[in-house]
Amino acid sequence: MPTETRHRPRLHARRTVVVLGIDGAGKTTTAAALVTAEQAAGRAAQLVRNPAGRRWLSRVAERCGIGVAPRWADRFESTVRLINVLTAQLRAAVFPGTTVMDRHLQCQQVLRAVRGLPRGRFLPWLVQILPRADAVVLLDLPAETAQARISARGEDSESTAYLRAAREAYLRMARSSGWHVVDAFGSRSEVLDRVLAAIAPPGK
């Protein structure tokens, strides 16, 4: 009787890829597709998410009929995001392969900028001292297109003005930080191909 051979993912050097973008840009979809592509190529990969609980907070506030001041919302979201990011960093540190992160602390920095809140000192400091990602990908999409996607999924809502301001904040950070800015307009496979090309090591 022939024995079944199980193909295990090849272990390789640890690396971290962070996927950022405004709501509706396709961060979660693209991050998951990137992990699937790595695994399909026989390489070890994992997906970690770093949400801030903003959608949950908005739903609870709406259900209770209360408004949450931007400063208090930021405190709640920053705490949740920080816990998730630190947990994700620990997972990435011990994982023998590629860790794809859906969102990171920079998302909270963008939220603060859009809300007109001070940058603060702790969050920017933490961004600087945490291990740098091997690649940061910003999925760029016009605000109007992103809003149409958000409306289509029917889970939440965002104003065009908010999305436009967030996009501008992300692009400013991308220019100053050297991120890969990838066009997020098109099919899932087209966007994934662009991301893979952007993060490919030199010479490959």
Protein backbone atom coordinates (compact mmCIF):
# COMPACT_ATOMS: atom_id res chain seq x y z
CA MET A 1 0.00 0.00 0.00
CA PRO A 2 1.46 3.39 -0.93
CA THR A 3 1.96 5.71 1.97
CA GLU A 4 0.48 9.19 1.87
CA THR A 5 3.02 11.99 1.87
CA ARG A 6 2.01 15.22 3.52
CA HIS A 7 3.63 18.36 2.21
CA ARG A 8 4.47 20.72 5.00
CA PRO A 9 5.04 24.44 4.39
CA ARG A 10 8.70 25.28 3.97
CA LEU A 11 10.08 27.28 6.84
CA HIS A 12 12.07 30.35 5.85
CA ALA A 13 13.38 33.56 7.30
CA ARG A 14 10.92 35.50 9.38
CA ARG A 15 9.47 38.58 7.77
CA THR A 16 6.54 40.87 8.48
CA VAL A 17 4.31 42.59 5.94
CA VAL A 18 1.87 45.27 7.14
CA VAL A 19 -1.19 46.14 5.05
CA LEU A 20 -2.76 49.58 5.59
CA GLY A 21 -5.43 51.69 3.92
CA ILE A 22 -8.66 53.58 4.39
CA ASP A 23 -11.91 51.74 5.10
CA GLY A 24 -13.11 50.04 1.94
CA ALA A 25 -9.63 49.76 0.42
CA GLY A 26 -9.63 45.98 0.81
CA LYS A 27 -7.06 45.56 3.61
CA THR A 28 -8.54 42.42 5.18
CA THR A 29 -9.27 40.77 1.83
CA THR A 30 -5.81 41.50 0.45
CA ALA A 31 -4.00 40.47 3.63
CA ALA A 32 -5.83 37.13 3.66
CA ALA A 33 -5.13 36.62 -0.05
CA LEU A 34 -1.44 37.33 0.52
CA VAL A 35 -1.25 34.65 3.21
CA THR A 36 -3.04 32.18 0.95
CA ALA A 37 -0.60 32.95 -1.89
CA GLU A 38 2.39 32.36 0.38
CA GLN A 39 0.97 29.08 1.62
CA ALA A 40 0.12 27.97 -1.91
CA ALA A 41 3.77 28.52 -2.80
CA GLY A 42 4.74 26.17 0.02
CA ARG A 43 5.90 28.86 2.41
CA ALA A 44 4.80 29.28 6.01
CA ALA A 45 2.55 32.31 6.52
CA GLN A 46 0.10 33.59 9.10
CA LEU A 47 -2.44 36.42 9.27
CA VAL A 48 -2.87 38.62 12.33
CA ARG A 49 -5.37 41.46 12.66
CA ASN A 50 -4.93 44.65 14.67
CA PRO A 51 -8.38 46.27 14.93
CA ALA A 52 -9.18 49.09 17.33
CA GLY A 53 -12.79 48.19 18.05
CA ARG A 54 -14.02 51.39 16.37
CA ARG A 55 -16.91 49.71 14.60
CA TRP A 56 -17.97 47.94 17.79
CA LEU A 57 -17.80 51.18 19.78
CA SER A 58 -19.88 53.02 17.18
CA ARG A 59 -22.56 50.33 17.24
CA VAL A 60 -22.77 50.28 21.02
CA ALA A 61 -22.97 54.07 21.19
CA GLU A 62 -25.69 54.15 18.53
CA ARG A 63 -27.65 51.39 20.27
CA CYS A 64 -27.48 53.27 23.57
CA GLY A 65 -28.29 56.59 21.95
CA ILE A 66 -25.15 58.30 23.19
CA GLY A 67 -22.33 60.16 21.57
CA VAL A 68 -18.69 59.43 22.28
CA ALA A 69 -16.31 62.39 22.29
CA PRO A 70 -13.41 61.95 19.85
CA ARG A 71 -10.84 62.08 22.67
CA TRP A 72 -12.56 59.30 24.64
CA ALA A 73 -13.06 57.24 21.49
CA ASP A 74 -9.34 57.59 20.78
CA ARG A 75 -8.42 56.44 24.28
CA PHE A 76 -10.56 53.33 23.95
CA GLU A 77 -9.40 52.52 20.43
CA SER A 78 -5.73 53.19 21.15
CA THR A 79 -5.82 50.79 24.09
CA VAL A 80 -7.51 48.03 22.08
CA ARG A 81 -5.21 48.58 19.10
CA LEU A 82 -2.12 48.60 21.29
CA ILE A 83 -3.04 45.28 22.93
CA ASN A 84 -3.66 43.69 19.54
CA VAL A 85 -0.44 45.05 18.02
CA LEU A 86 1.76 43.92 20.90
CA THR A 87 0.18 40.46 20.76
CA ALA A 88 0.73 40.36 17.00
CA GLN A 89 4.37 41.37 17.40
CA LEU A 90 4.93 38.51 19.82
CA ARG A 91 3.33 36.06 17.42
CA ALA A 92 5.48 37.37 14.57
CA ALA A 93 8.64 37.09 16.66
CA VAL A 94 8.25 33.33 17.12
CA PHE A 95 6.69 32.41 13.77
CA PRO A 96 9.14 30.84 11.27
CA GLY A 97 7.75 32.45 8.17
CA THR A 98 5.82 35.45 6.87
CA THR A 99 3.45 37.30 9.18
CA VAL A 100 0.92 39.49 7.40
CA MET A 101 -0.59 42.19 9.62
CA ASP A 102 -3.95 43.70 8.79
CA ARG A 103 -3.60 47.25 10.20
CA HIS A 104 -1.08 48.60 12.71
CA LEU A 105 -0.47 51.53 15.04
CA GLN A 106 -0.21 53.92 12.09
CA CYS A 107 -3.96 53.50 11.62
CA GLN A 108 -4.52 55.14 14.99
CA GLN A 109 -2.18 57.95 14.08
CA VAL A 110 -4.28 58.59 10.98
CA LEU A 111 -7.48 58.57 13.03
CA ARG A 112 -6.00 61.17 15.36
CA ALA A 113 -5.00 63.36 12.44
CA VAL A 114 -8.48 63.16 10.88
CA ARG A 115 -10.17 63.89 14.22
CA GLY A 116 -7.94 66.88 14.85
CA LEU A 117 -6.41 65.33 17.96
CA PRO A 118 -2.79 65.82 19.07
CA ARG A 119 -0.29 63.21 17.86
CA GLY A 120 0.74 62.54 21.42
CA ARG A 121 4.16 61.22 22.38
CA PHE A 122 3.66 57.60 23.36
CA LEU A 123 2.19 56.28 20.10
CA PRO A 124 4.83 57.82 17.78
CA TRP A 125 7.55 56.64 20.18
CA LEU A 126 6.16 53.11 20.17
CA VAL A 127 6.01 53.05 16.37
CA GLN A 128 9.71 53.89 16.33
CA ILE A 129 10.87 51.29 18.88
CA LEU A 130 8.81 48.30 17.75
CA PRO A 131 10.51 45.98 15.23
CA ARG A 132 10.23 47.46 11.77
CA ALA A 133 8.16 45.58 9.25
CA ASP A 134 10.04 44.24 6.24
CA ALA A 135 7.40 45.83 4.02
CA VAL A 136 4.49 48.22 4.59
CA VAL A 137 1.86 48.28 1.87
CA LEU A 138 -0.64 51.12 1.59
CA LEU A 139 -3.66 50.17 -0.48
CA ASP A 140 -4.68 53.42 -2.14
CA LEU A 141 -8.22 54.02 -3.35
CA PRO A 142 -10.26 57.17 -4.08
CA ALA A 143 -12.66 58.08 -1.28
CA GLU A 144 -15.70 57.81 -3.53
CA THR A 145 -14.84 54.27 -4.59
CA ALA A 146 -14.14 53.24 -1.01
CA GLN A 147 -17.46 54.66 0.15
CA ALA A 148 -19.31 52.72 -2.56
CA ARG A 149 -17.66 49.50 -1.33
CA ILE A 150 -18.58 50.28 2.28
CA SER A 151 -22.19 50.93 1.33
CA ALA A 152 -22.31 47.69 -0.67
CA ARG A 153 -21.19 45.54 2.26
CA GLY A 154 -23.79 47.21 4.49
CA GLU A 155 -21.93 46.74 7.78
CA ASP A 156 -21.13 50.37 8.58
CA SER A 157 -20.92 53.79 6.97
CA GLU A 158 -18.32 56.47 6.44
CA SER A 159 -18.60 59.95 4.95
CA THR A 160 -16.71 60.82 1.80
CA ALA A 161 -15.10 63.74 3.64
CA TYR A 162 -13.74 61.42 6.35
CA LEU A 163 -12.41 58.92 3.82
CA ARG A 164 -10.79 61.69 1.77
CA ALA A 165 -9.06 63.14 4.83
CA ALA A 166 -7.90 59.69 5.94
CA ARG A 167 -6.54 58.92 2.49
CA GLU A 168 -4.56 62.17 2.44
CA ALA A 169 -3.14 61.41 5.90
CA TYR A 170 -2.08 57.91 4.84
CA LEU A 171 -0.43 59.20 1.67
CA ARG A 172 1.53 61.81 3.64
CA MET A 173 2.79 59.11 5.99
CA ALA A 174 3.63 56.84 3.06
CA ARG A 175 5.75 59.53 1.41
CA SER A 176 7.68 60.25 4.61
CA SER A 177 8.07 56.61 5.62
CA GLY A 178 8.89 54.96 2.30
CA TRP A 179 5.89 52.61 2.18
CA HIS A 180 4.79 50.78 -0.95
CA VAL A 181 1.73 52.57 -2.32
CA VAL A 182 -0.36 50.09 -4.31
CA ASP A 183 -3.39 50.90 -6.45
CA ALA A 184 -6.33 49.10 -4.79
CA PHE A 185 -8.71 49.54 -7.72
CA GLY A 186 -9.47 46.34 -9.65
CA SER A 187 -10.18 42.69 -8.99
CA ARG A 188 -8.83 40.85 -5.97
CA SER A 189 -6.30 38.99 -8.10
CA GLU A 190 -5.10 42.19 -9.78
CA VAL A 191 -4.56 43.93 -6.45
CA LEU A 192 -2.80 40.86 -5.04
CA ASP A 193 -0.46 40.72 -8.04
CA ARG A 194 0.48 44.37 -7.47
CA VAL A 195 1.16 43.74 -3.79
CA LEU A 196 3.28 40.67 -4.53
CA ALA A 197 5.30 42.65 -7.06
CA ALA A 198 5.78 45.51 -4.60
CA ILE A 199 7.05 43.37 -1.72
CA ALA A 200 9.15 40.94 -3.76
CA PRO A 201 12.78 40.90 -2.63
CA PRO A 202 15.20 42.64 -5.05
CA GLY A 203 16.26 40.42 -7.92
CA LYS A 204 13.17 38.21 -7.79
